[in-house]
Amino acid sequence: METRGKIIIILMMLGILIPIVTYVTVFLPANAQYNKKFASKVTMAYDQATFEGMKEQVLELWKEMNNTFSGFNYSETYNTPWYWEQTYDNSLAAQQDYFRQLVNRLDSYIELYQKMTSNTTNPVYLEDWYHNSIQNFRVEMKREGGLDWAIEGAWYLNFAPLAYWWLYYSGIFWVIVFVLIIYTIVTD
């Protein structure tokens, strides 16, 4: 095999192997860390069968956010590096307000359920209402990108930036490899 063919094969192998190695050694460990801190609590909140259980998990997630981002200005901590997307909706301040609203809403549901049970409301209606309310609340928690929409990007940007950017770096690397392959093919 001629030298040019060997160079092309080596470049193609590098173009495949380096992004895979980067994914396995950089992104997956950071993702595991994030899942342990936050994503597991999000899943637990979605899976709860009672308003009290949901509230407990939302409060745990909120507490973890406050512990992790202690000392950060929530109004200036965003889930995106792009200045045109750095709006209130993408900030930890919005995330905090959202948690506050969820907890208040859960408290309202808990209070209403207690009132309904003490008023001897028809049990069939009560269970139907409870089930529908839980389902609606699950939908609410998944709206706007999920329960941790601002935390996730902010965490990666501040605590695992290489994992946040790995796909961009891989893309740049692929472009360079592609250009080198074209250059090797075109030149003799």
N, C-alpha and C. Protein backbone atom coordinates (compact mmCIF):
# COMPACT_ATOMS: atom_id res chain seq x y z
N MET A 1 0.85 -1.17 0.00
CA MET A 1 0.00 0.00 0.00
C MET A 1 0.90 1.23 0.00
N GLU A 2 0.53 2.19 -0.80
CA GLU A 2 1.36 3.39 -0.90
C GLU A 2 1.19 4.28 0.34
N THR A 3 2.10 5.20 0.52
CA THR A 3 2.14 6.07 1.69
C THR A 3 0.88 6.91 1.82
N ARG A 4 0.41 7.44 0.70
CA ARG A 4 -0.78 8.29 0.73
C ARG A 4 -1.98 7.51 1.26
N GLY A 5 -2.15 6.28 0.86
CA GLY A 5 -3.25 5.43 1.34
C GLY A 5 -3.15 5.16 2.82
N LYS A 6 -1.90 4.93 3.28
CA LYS A 6 -1.68 4.70 4.72
C LYS A 6 -2.03 5.94 5.53
N ILE A 7 -1.66 7.10 5.02
CA ILE A 7 -1.96 8.36 5.73
C ILE A 7 -3.47 8.56 5.82
N ILE A 8 -4.17 8.28 4.74
CA ILE A 8 -5.64 8.43 4.74
C ILE A 8 -6.27 7.48 5.76
N ILE A 9 -5.81 6.26 5.79
CA ILE A 9 -6.36 5.28 6.75
C ILE A 9 -6.07 5.71 8.18
N ILE A 10 -4.86 6.17 8.45
CA ILE A 10 -4.50 6.64 9.80
C ILE A 10 -5.37 7.83 10.20
N LEU A 11 -5.55 8.77 9.27
CA LEU A 11 -6.38 9.94 9.58
C LEU A 11 -7.83 9.54 9.84
N MET A 12 -8.35 8.61 9.07
CA MET A 12 -9.72 8.14 9.27
C MET A 12 -9.85 7.44 10.62
N MET A 13 -8.87 6.63 10.97
CA MET A 13 -8.90 5.94 12.26
C MET A 13 -8.86 6.95 13.41
N LEU A 14 -8.00 7.95 13.29
CA LEU A 14 -7.93 9.00 14.31
C LEU A 14 -9.26 9.77 14.39
N GLY A 15 -9.85 10.03 13.23
CA GLY A 15 -11.12 10.74 13.19
C GLY A 15 -12.24 9.97 13.88
N ILE A 16 -12.11 8.67 13.94
CA ILE A 16 -13.11 7.85 14.62
C ILE A 16 -12.73 7.62 16.09
N LEU A 17 -11.47 7.28 16.33
CA LEU A 17 -11.04 6.90 17.68
C LEU A 17 -10.98 8.05 18.68
N ILE A 18 -10.45 9.18 18.28
CA ILE A 18 -10.27 10.28 19.24
C ILE A 18 -11.62 10.77 19.78
N PRO A 19 -12.64 11.00 18.96
CA PRO A 19 -13.93 11.39 19.54
C PRO A 19 -14.53 10.31 20.46
N ILE A 20 -14.35 9.04 20.11
CA ILE A 20 -14.87 7.97 20.96
C ILE A 20 -14.14 7.96 22.31
N VAL A 21 -12.82 8.07 22.27
CA VAL A 21 -12.04 8.10 23.51
C VAL A 21 -12.42 9.33 24.34
N THR A 22 -12.60 10.46 23.70
CA THR A 22 -13.01 11.68 24.40
C THR A 22 -14.38 11.49 25.05
N TYR A 23 -15.30 10.89 24.33
CA TYR A 23 -16.64 10.64 24.87
C TYR A 23 -16.56 9.75 26.11
N VAL A 24 -15.78 8.68 26.01
CA VAL A 24 -15.69 7.72 27.10
C VAL A 24 -14.92 8.28 28.30
N THR A 25 -13.87 9.04 28.06
CA THR A 25 -13.03 9.51 29.16
C THR A 25 -13.42 10.88 29.72
N VAL A 26 -14.14 11.67 28.95
CA VAL A 26 -14.49 13.01 29.41
C VAL A 26 -16.00 13.15 29.67
N PHE A 27 -16.81 12.86 28.66
CA PHE A 27 -18.24 13.11 28.80
C PHE A 27 -18.93 12.12 29.74
N LEU A 28 -18.70 10.83 29.57
CA LEU A 28 -19.40 9.84 30.39
C LEU A 28 -19.14 10.00 31.89
N PRO A 29 -17.89 10.22 32.33
CA PRO A 29 -17.69 10.43 33.77
C PRO A 29 -18.40 11.69 34.29
N ALA A 30 -18.36 12.77 33.52
CA ALA A 30 -19.06 13.99 33.93
C ALA A 30 -20.56 13.75 33.97
N ASN A 31 -21.07 13.04 33.01
CA ASN A 31 -22.49 12.73 32.97
C ASN A 31 -22.90 11.88 34.17
N ALA A 32 -22.07 10.93 34.54
CA ALA A 32 -22.34 10.10 35.72
C ALA A 32 -22.38 10.97 36.98
N GLN A 33 -21.46 11.91 37.07
CA GLN A 33 -21.43 12.83 38.21
C GLN A 33 -22.71 13.66 38.27
N TYR A 34 -23.11 14.20 37.12
CA TYR A 34 -24.33 15.01 37.06
C TYR A 34 -25.55 14.17 37.44
N ASN A 35 -25.62 12.97 36.91
CA ASN A 35 -26.75 12.09 37.21
C ASN A 35 -26.85 11.80 38.70
N LYS A 36 -25.70 11.59 39.33
CA LYS A 36 -25.68 11.30 40.76
C LYS A 36 -26.16 12.49 41.58
N LYS A 37 -25.75 13.70 41.18
CA LYS A 37 -26.12 14.91 41.92
C LYS A 37 -27.55 15.36 41.65
N PHE A 38 -27.96 15.35 40.39
CA PHE A 38 -29.23 15.99 40.02
C PHE A 38 -30.22 15.07 39.29
N ALA A 39 -29.80 14.44 38.23
CA ALA A 39 -30.73 13.72 37.36
C ALA A 39 -31.48 12.61 38.10
N SER A 40 -30.83 11.96 39.05
CA SER A 40 -31.52 10.91 39.81
C SER A 40 -32.68 11.50 40.62
N LYS A 41 -32.49 12.71 41.15
CA LYS A 41 -33.55 13.37 41.91
C LYS A 41 -34.71 13.79 40.99
N VAL A 42 -34.37 14.18 39.78
CA VAL A 42 -35.41 14.53 38.80
C VAL A 42 -36.26 13.30 38.50
N THR A 43 -35.60 12.19 38.24
CA THR A 43 -36.32 10.94 37.96
C THR A 43 -37.19 10.54 39.14
N MET A 44 -36.63 10.66 40.34
CA MET A 44 -37.41 10.30 41.53
C MET A 44 -38.64 11.20 41.68
N ALA A 45 -38.49 12.49 41.38
CA ALA A 45 -39.64 13.41 41.49
C ALA A 45 -40.73 13.00 40.51
N TYR A 46 -40.35 12.65 39.27
CA TYR A 46 -41.34 12.24 38.28
C TYR A 46 -42.06 10.95 38.69
N ASP A 47 -41.33 10.06 39.36
CA ASP A 47 -41.86 8.74 39.65
C ASP A 47 -42.67 8.64 40.94
N GLN A 48 -42.75 9.70 41.69
CA GLN A 48 -43.49 9.66 42.96
C GLN A 48 -44.98 9.47 42.72
N ALA A 49 -45.61 8.76 43.64
CA ALA A 49 -47.05 8.48 43.51
C ALA A 49 -47.90 9.41 44.36
N THR A 50 -47.24 10.27 45.17
CA THR A 50 -47.99 11.19 46.03
C THR A 50 -47.43 12.60 45.89
N PHE A 51 -48.26 13.58 46.24
CA PHE A 51 -47.80 14.96 46.21
C PHE A 51 -46.70 15.18 47.24
N GLU A 52 -46.82 14.53 48.39
CA GLU A 52 -45.79 14.67 49.43
C GLU A 52 -44.45 14.13 48.94
N GLY A 53 -44.48 13.01 48.23
CA GLY A 53 -43.24 12.45 47.68
C GLY A 53 -42.63 13.35 46.63
N MET A 54 -43.47 13.91 45.77
CA MET A 54 -42.98 14.85 44.75
C MET A 54 -42.35 16.07 45.41
N LYS A 55 -43.04 16.59 46.42
CA LYS A 55 -42.52 17.78 47.12
C LYS A 55 -41.17 17.48 47.75
N GLU A 56 -41.06 16.33 48.37
CA GLU A 56 -39.78 15.95 49.00
C GLU A 56 -38.65 15.92 47.98
N GLN A 57 -38.91 15.35 46.82
CA GLN A 57 -37.86 15.25 45.79
C GLN A 57 -37.53 16.60 45.17
N VAL A 58 -38.55 17.44 44.95
CA VAL A 58 -38.29 18.78 44.42
C VAL A 58 -37.46 19.58 45.42
N LEU A 59 -37.79 19.45 46.71
CA LEU A 59 -37.00 20.14 47.73
C LEU A 59 -35.57 19.62 47.79
N GLU A 60 -35.39 18.31 47.62
CA GLU A 60 -34.03 17.73 47.58
C GLU A 60 -33.24 18.28 46.40
N LEU A 61 -33.88 18.35 45.25
CA LEU A 61 -33.23 18.89 44.05
C LEU A 61 -32.88 20.36 44.25
N TRP A 62 -33.78 21.11 44.81
CA TRP A 62 -33.56 22.53 45.08
C TRP A 62 -32.41 22.72 46.07
N LYS A 63 -32.40 21.90 47.10
CA LYS A 63 -31.32 21.95 48.11
C LYS A 63 -29.97 21.63 47.46
N GLU A 64 -29.94 20.62 46.60
CA GLU A 64 -28.70 20.25 45.92
C GLU A 64 -28.22 21.38 45.01
N MET A 65 -29.16 22.05 44.35
CA MET A 65 -28.80 23.20 43.51
C MET A 65 -28.17 24.29 44.38
N ASN A 66 -28.80 24.59 45.49
CA ASN A 66 -28.27 25.64 46.37
C ASN A 66 -26.91 25.27 46.95
N ASN A 67 -26.71 24.00 47.29
CA ASN A 67 -25.41 23.55 47.82
C ASN A 67 -24.34 23.60 46.74
N THR A 68 -24.67 23.14 45.55
CA THR A 68 -23.70 23.06 44.46
C THR A 68 -23.30 24.45 43.96
N PHE A 69 -24.28 25.31 43.83
CA PHE A 69 -24.02 26.65 43.27
C PHE A 69 -23.92 27.72 44.37
N SER A 70 -23.55 27.30 45.55
CA SER A 70 -23.38 28.24 46.66
C SER A 70 -22.34 29.30 46.28
N GLY A 71 -22.66 30.54 46.48
CA GLY A 71 -21.74 31.63 46.12
C GLY A 71 -21.90 32.15 44.71
N PHE A 72 -22.69 31.47 43.90
CA PHE A 72 -22.94 31.92 42.53
C PHE A 72 -24.07 32.94 42.55
N ASN A 73 -24.01 33.89 41.64
CA ASN A 73 -25.11 34.83 41.45
C ASN A 73 -26.10 34.16 40.48
N TYR A 74 -27.24 33.76 40.99
CA TYR A 74 -28.20 33.01 40.18
C TYR A 74 -28.71 33.81 38.99
N SER A 75 -28.73 35.11 39.11
CA SER A 75 -29.19 35.96 38.00
C SER A 75 -28.19 36.01 36.87
N GLU A 76 -26.95 35.61 37.14
CA GLU A 76 -25.89 35.64 36.13
C GLU A 76 -25.30 34.27 35.85
N THR A 77 -25.97 33.21 36.30
CA THR A 77 -25.52 31.85 36.04
C THR A 77 -26.52 31.21 35.09
N TYR A 78 -26.05 30.94 33.87
CA TYR A 78 -26.95 30.49 32.80
C TYR A 78 -26.66 29.06 32.40
N ASN A 79 -27.60 28.47 31.69
CA ASN A 79 -27.44 27.12 31.18
C ASN A 79 -26.86 27.12 29.77
N THR A 80 -26.38 28.25 29.31
CA THR A 80 -25.85 28.38 27.96
C THR A 80 -24.67 29.34 27.94
N PRO A 81 -23.69 29.10 27.10
CA PRO A 81 -22.56 30.04 26.99
C PRO A 81 -22.84 31.17 26.01
N TRP A 82 -23.90 31.07 25.23
CA TRP A 82 -24.16 32.02 24.15
C TRP A 82 -24.89 33.25 24.69
N TYR A 83 -24.28 34.42 24.51
CA TYR A 83 -24.81 35.65 25.10
C TYR A 83 -26.25 35.94 24.66
N TRP A 84 -26.61 35.59 23.46
CA TRP A 84 -27.96 35.89 22.97
C TRP A 84 -29.02 34.98 23.62
N GLU A 85 -28.57 33.90 24.25
CA GLU A 85 -29.50 33.02 24.96
C GLU A 85 -29.45 33.22 26.47
N GLN A 86 -28.60 34.12 26.93
CA GLN A 86 -28.46 34.35 28.36
C GLN A 86 -29.56 35.30 28.85
N THR A 87 -30.73 34.72 29.00
CA THR A 87 -31.91 35.47 29.44
C THR A 87 -32.34 34.93 30.80
N TYR A 88 -33.25 35.64 31.41
CA TYR A 88 -33.77 35.19 32.70
C TYR A 88 -34.27 33.75 32.63
N ASP A 89 -34.96 33.39 31.55
CA ASP A 89 -35.52 32.04 31.40
C ASP A 89 -34.47 30.95 31.45
N ASN A 90 -33.24 31.28 31.11
CA ASN A 90 -32.15 30.30 31.09
C ASN A 90 -31.21 30.45 32.27
N SER A 91 -31.66 31.10 33.32
CA SER A 91 -30.80 31.34 34.48
C SER A 91 -31.21 30.48 35.67
N LEU A 92 -30.30 30.38 36.62
CA LEU A 92 -30.64 29.68 37.86
C LEU A 92 -31.66 30.46 38.68
N ALA A 93 -31.74 31.77 38.47
CA ALA A 93 -32.77 32.56 39.15
C ALA A 93 -34.16 32.08 38.72
N ALA A 94 -34.33 31.82 37.44
CA ALA A 94 -35.61 31.29 36.94
C ALA A 94 -35.85 29.89 37.48
N GLN A 95 -34.79 29.10 37.55
CA GLN A 95 -34.91 27.74 38.10
C GLN A 95 -35.38 27.81 39.55
N GLN A 96 -34.80 28.72 40.32
CA GLN A 96 -35.18 28.86 41.73
C GLN A 96 -36.64 29.31 41.86
N ASP A 97 -37.05 30.26 41.05
CA ASP A 97 -38.45 30.71 41.08
C ASP A 97 -39.39 29.57 40.70
N TYR A 98 -38.97 28.77 39.74
CA TYR A 98 -39.78 27.64 39.30
C TYR A 98 -39.94 26.63 40.44
N PHE A 99 -38.87 26.33 41.16
CA PHE A 99 -38.96 25.42 42.30
C PHE A 99 -39.92 25.98 43.36
N ARG A 100 -39.80 27.27 43.61
CA ARG A 100 -40.68 27.90 44.60
C ARG A 100 -42.15 27.75 44.16
N GLN A 101 -42.43 27.97 42.90
CA GLN A 101 -43.80 27.84 42.39
C GLN A 101 -44.29 26.39 42.48
N LEU A 102 -43.40 25.44 42.16
CA LEU A 102 -43.80 24.03 42.24
C LEU A 102 -44.14 23.64 43.68
N VAL A 103 -43.32 24.06 44.62
CA VAL A 103 -43.56 23.71 46.02
C VAL A 103 -44.87 24.35 46.49
N ASN A 104 -45.11 25.59 46.12
CA ASN A 104 -46.38 26.24 46.49
C ASN A 104 -47.58 25.51 45.88
N ARG A 105 -47.43 25.10 44.64
CA ARG A 105 -48.52 24.38 43.98
C ARG A 105 -48.74 23.01 44.65
N LEU A 106 -47.65 22.34 44.99
CA LEU A 106 -47.78 21.05 45.69
C LEU A 106 -48.45 21.23 47.05
N ASP A 107 -48.08 22.28 47.75
CA ASP A 107 -48.74 22.56 49.04
C ASP A 107 -50.24 22.77 48.84
N SER A 108 -50.62 23.46 47.77
CA SER A 108 -52.04 23.68 47.48
C SER A 108 -52.76 22.36 47.20
N TYR A 109 -52.12 21.49 46.42
CA TYR A 109 -52.72 20.19 46.15
C TYR A 109 -52.88 19.38 47.43
N ILE A 110 -51.85 19.38 48.27
CA ILE A 110 -51.91 18.63 49.53
C ILE A 110 -53.03 19.16 50.41
N GLU A 111 -53.13 20.46 50.51
CA GLU A 111 -54.18 21.08 51.33
C GLU A 111 -55.57 20.75 50.77
N LEU A 112 -55.72 20.87 49.47
CA LEU A 112 -57.01 20.58 48.85
C LEU A 112 -57.40 19.12 49.05
N TYR A 113 -56.45 18.22 48.90
CA TYR A 113 -56.72 16.79 49.10
C TYR A 113 -57.16 16.52 50.53
N GLN A 114 -56.50 17.15 51.49
CA GLN A 114 -56.87 16.96 52.89
C GLN A 114 -58.28 17.48 53.16
N LYS A 115 -58.62 18.61 52.56
CA LYS A 115 -59.97 19.16 52.72
C LYS A 115 -61.01 18.23 52.10
N MET A 116 -60.69 17.69 50.93
CA MET A 116 -61.63 16.82 50.24
C MET A 116 -61.85 15.53 51.03
N THR A 117 -60.79 14.99 51.62
CA THR A 117 -60.96 13.75 52.39
C THR A 117 -61.72 14.00 53.68
N SER A 118 -61.53 15.16 54.29
CA SER A 118 -62.26 15.45 55.54
C SER A 118 -63.73 15.79 55.28
N ASN A 119 -64.07 16.18 54.06
CA ASN A 119 -65.46 16.49 53.71
C ASN A 119 -66.21 15.27 53.19
N THR A 120 -65.61 14.12 53.33
CA THR A 120 -66.20 12.86 52.84
C THR A 120 -66.65 12.97 51.38
N THR A 121 -65.76 13.50 50.55
CA THR A 121 -66.01 13.55 49.12
C THR A 121 -66.09 12.13 48.58
N ASN A 122 -66.90 11.93 47.58
CA ASN A 122 -67.05 10.62 46.96
C ASN A 122 -65.67 10.03 46.70
N PRO A 123 -65.36 8.84 47.25
CA PRO A 123 -64.02 8.26 47.10
C PRO A 123 -63.62 7.99 45.65
N VAL A 124 -64.59 7.65 44.81
CA VAL A 124 -64.27 7.41 43.40
C VAL A 124 -63.84 8.71 42.75
N TYR A 125 -64.59 9.76 43.00
CA TYR A 125 -64.22 11.08 42.47
C TYR A 125 -62.88 11.52 43.02
N LEU A 126 -62.67 11.32 44.31
CA LEU A 126 -61.44 11.75 44.97
C LEU A 126 -60.22 11.05 44.36
N GLU A 127 -60.31 9.75 44.18
CA GLU A 127 -59.18 9.01 43.61
C GLU A 127 -58.94 9.42 42.15
N ASP A 128 -60.01 9.65 41.41
CA ASP A 128 -59.88 10.10 40.03
C ASP A 128 -59.21 11.48 39.99
N TRP A 129 -59.68 12.39 40.85
CA TRP A 129 -59.07 13.72 40.92
C TRP A 129 -57.59 13.62 41.28
N TYR A 130 -57.28 12.79 42.27
CA TYR A 130 -55.90 12.66 42.74
C TYR A 130 -55.01 12.14 41.61
N HIS A 131 -55.46 11.10 40.94
CA HIS A 131 -54.69 10.51 39.83
C HIS A 131 -54.47 11.53 38.71
N ASN A 132 -55.54 12.22 38.32
CA ASN A 132 -55.41 13.22 37.25
C ASN A 132 -54.50 14.38 37.67
N SER A 133 -54.60 14.79 38.91
CA SER A 133 -53.76 15.89 39.40
C SER A 133 -52.29 15.49 39.41
N ILE A 134 -52.01 14.27 39.84
CA ILE A 134 -50.62 13.77 39.82
C ILE A 134 -50.10 13.74 38.39
N GLN A 135 -50.90 13.23 37.47
CA GLN A 135 -50.48 13.16 36.06
C GLN A 135 -50.24 14.56 35.50
N ASN A 136 -51.13 15.49 35.79
CA ASN A 136 -50.96 16.86 35.31
C ASN A 136 -49.70 17.50 35.89
N PHE A 137 -49.42 17.19 37.14
CA PHE A 137 -48.22 17.76 37.76
C PHE A 137 -46.96 17.16 37.13
N ARG A 138 -47.00 15.89 36.79
CA ARG A 138 -45.84 15.28 36.09
C ARG A 138 -45.61 15.97 34.75
N VAL A 139 -46.69 16.24 34.05
CA VAL A 139 -46.56 16.96 32.77
C VAL A 139 -45.94 18.33 33.01
N GLU A 140 -46.40 19.02 34.04
CA GLU A 140 -45.86 20.34 34.37
C GLU A 140 -44.36 20.27 34.65
N MET A 141 -43.93 19.25 35.37
CA MET A 141 -42.51 19.13 35.70
C MET A 141 -41.65 18.86 34.47
N LYS A 142 -42.23 18.33 33.41
CA LYS A 142 -41.46 18.03 32.20
C LYS A 142 -41.53 19.15 31.17
N ARG A 143 -42.38 20.14 31.45
CA ARG A 143 -42.53 21.28 30.55
C ARG A 143 -41.27 22.13 30.58
N GLU A 144 -41.03 22.89 29.56
CA GLU A 144 -39.90 23.82 29.51
C GLU A 144 -38.54 23.13 29.59
N GLY A 145 -38.44 21.92 29.14
CA GLY A 145 -37.15 21.25 29.12
C GLY A 145 -36.87 20.40 30.33
N GLY A 146 -37.83 20.18 31.16
CA GLY A 146 -37.64 19.30 32.30
C GLY A 146 -37.42 20.06 33.60
N LEU A 147 -37.44 19.32 34.66
CA LEU A 147 -37.35 19.87 36.00
C LEU A 147 -36.01 20.53 36.28
N ASP A 148 -34.99 20.15 35.56
CA ASP A 148 -33.64 20.69 35.80
C ASP A 148 -33.10 21.43 34.58
N TRP A 149 -33.96 22.09 33.82
CA TRP A 149 -33.55 22.69 32.55
C TRP A 149 -32.39 23.67 32.70
N ALA A 150 -32.38 24.48 33.73
CA ALA A 150 -31.30 25.46 33.88
C ALA A 150 -30.10 24.87 34.63
N ILE A 151 -30.36 23.97 35.55
CA ILE A 151 -29.27 23.39 36.35
C ILE A 151 -28.30 22.63 35.46
N GLU A 152 -28.82 21.83 34.54
CA GLU A 152 -27.96 20.94 33.76
C GLU A 152 -26.89 21.71 32.99
N GLY A 153 -27.30 22.65 32.17
CA GLY A 153 -26.32 23.40 31.39
C GLY A 153 -25.38 24.20 32.27
N ALA A 154 -25.93 24.81 33.33
CA ALA A 154 -25.09 25.60 34.25
C ALA A 154 -24.07 24.72 34.94
N TRP A 155 -24.47 23.50 35.33
CA TRP A 155 -23.54 22.59 36.00
C TRP A 155 -22.40 22.20 35.05
N TYR A 156 -22.75 21.80 33.85
CA TYR A 156 -21.71 21.40 32.90
C TYR A 156 -20.77 22.57 32.58
N LEU A 157 -21.31 23.75 32.38
CA LEU A 157 -20.47 24.91 32.05
C LEU A 157 -19.52 25.28 33.19
N ASN A 158 -19.98 25.14 34.43
CA ASN A 158 -19.17 25.57 35.56
C ASN A 158 -18.33 24.48 36.20
N PHE A 159 -18.76 23.22 36.12
CA PHE A 159 -18.05 22.15 36.82
C PHE A 159 -17.48 21.09 35.89
N ALA A 160 -17.90 21.06 34.65
CA ALA A 160 -17.36 20.08 33.69
C ALA A 160 -17.36 20.69 32.29
N PRO A 161 -16.64 21.82 32.10
CA PRO A 161 -16.72 22.51 30.81
C PRO A 161 -16.22 21.68 29.63
N LEU A 162 -15.20 20.86 29.84
CA LEU A 162 -14.72 20.03 28.74
C LEU A 162 -15.81 19.06 28.28
N ALA A 163 -16.57 18.54 29.22
CA ALA A 163 -17.68 17.65 28.87
C ALA A 163 -18.77 18.41 28.13
N TYR A 164 -18.97 19.69 28.48
CA TYR A 164 -19.98 20.50 27.79
C TYR A 164 -19.57 20.73 26.34
N TRP A 165 -18.30 21.00 26.13
CA TRP A 165 -17.81 21.38 24.81
C TRP A 165 -17.26 20.21 23.99
N TRP A 166 -17.24 18.98 24.51
CA TRP A 166 -16.55 17.89 23.82
C TRP A 166 -17.06 17.68 22.41
N LEU A 167 -18.36 17.84 22.19
CA LEU A 167 -18.90 17.62 20.84
C LEU A 167 -18.41 18.69 19.87
N TYR A 168 -18.29 19.92 20.34
CA TYR A 168 -17.76 21.00 19.50
C TYR A 168 -16.30 20.73 19.15
N TYR A 169 -15.53 20.33 20.16
CA TYR A 169 -14.12 20.00 19.91
C TYR A 169 -14.00 18.84 18.93
N SER A 170 -14.85 17.84 19.10
CA SER A 170 -14.82 16.70 18.18
C SER A 170 -15.17 17.14 16.76
N GLY A 171 -16.13 18.02 16.63
CA GLY A 171 -16.51 18.53 15.31
C GLY A 171 -15.36 19.26 14.64
N ILE A 172 -14.67 20.09 15.41
CA ILE A 172 -13.50 20.81 14.87
C ILE A 172 -12.43 19.81 14.45
N PHE A 173 -12.22 18.79 15.29
CA PHE A 173 -11.23 17.76 14.96
C PHE A 173 -11.62 17.03 13.69
N TRP A 174 -12.91 16.69 13.54
CA TRP A 174 -13.37 16.00 12.33
C TRP A 174 -13.16 16.86 11.09
N VAL A 175 -13.39 18.15 11.20
CA VAL A 175 -13.17 19.05 10.06
C VAL A 175 -11.69 19.05 9.68
N ILE A 176 -10.82 19.13 10.67
CA ILE A 176 -9.37 19.12 10.39
C ILE A 176 -8.97 17.81 9.73
N VAL A 177 -9.45 16.69 10.25
CA VAL A 177 -9.14 15.38 9.65
C VAL A 177 -9.67 15.32 8.22
N PHE A 178 -10.87 15.79 8.00
CA PHE A 178 -11.45 15.79 6.65
C PHE A 178 -10.60 16.63 5.70
N VAL A 179 -10.18 17.81 6.14
CA VAL A 179 -9.35 18.67 5.31
C VAL A 179 -8.01 17.98 5.00
N LEU A 180 -7.42 17.35 6.01
CA LEU A 180 -6.15 16.64 5.78
C LEU A 180 -6.32 15.47 4.81
N ILE A 181 -7.42 14.76 4.91
CA ILE A 181 -7.67 13.65 3.97
C ILE A 181 -7.82 14.20 2.55
N ILE A 182 -8.60 15.26 2.38
CA ILE A 182 -8.77 15.87 1.06
C ILE A 182 -7.43 16.36 0.53
N TYR A 183 -6.66 17.00 1.41
CA TYR A 183 -5.35 17.50 1.00
C TYR A 183 -4.44 16.35 0.55
N THR A 184 -4.48 15.23 1.30
CA THR A 184 -3.66 14.08 0.95
C THR A 184 -4.09 13.47 -0.37
N ILE A 185 -5.38 13.44 -0.64
CA ILE A 185 -5.89 12.87 -1.89
C ILE A 185 -5.53 13.77 -3.07
N VAL A 186 -5.67 15.10 -2.89
CA VAL A 186 -5.45 16.04 -3.99
C VAL A 186 -3.97 16.15 -4.36
N THR A 187 -3.11 16.17 -3.34
CA THR A 187 -1.66 16.35 -3.61
C THR A 187 -1.01 15.02 -3.91
N ASP A 188 -0.03 15.06 -4.69
CA ASP A 188 0.74 13.83 -5.02
C ASP A 188 2.01 13.79 -4.29
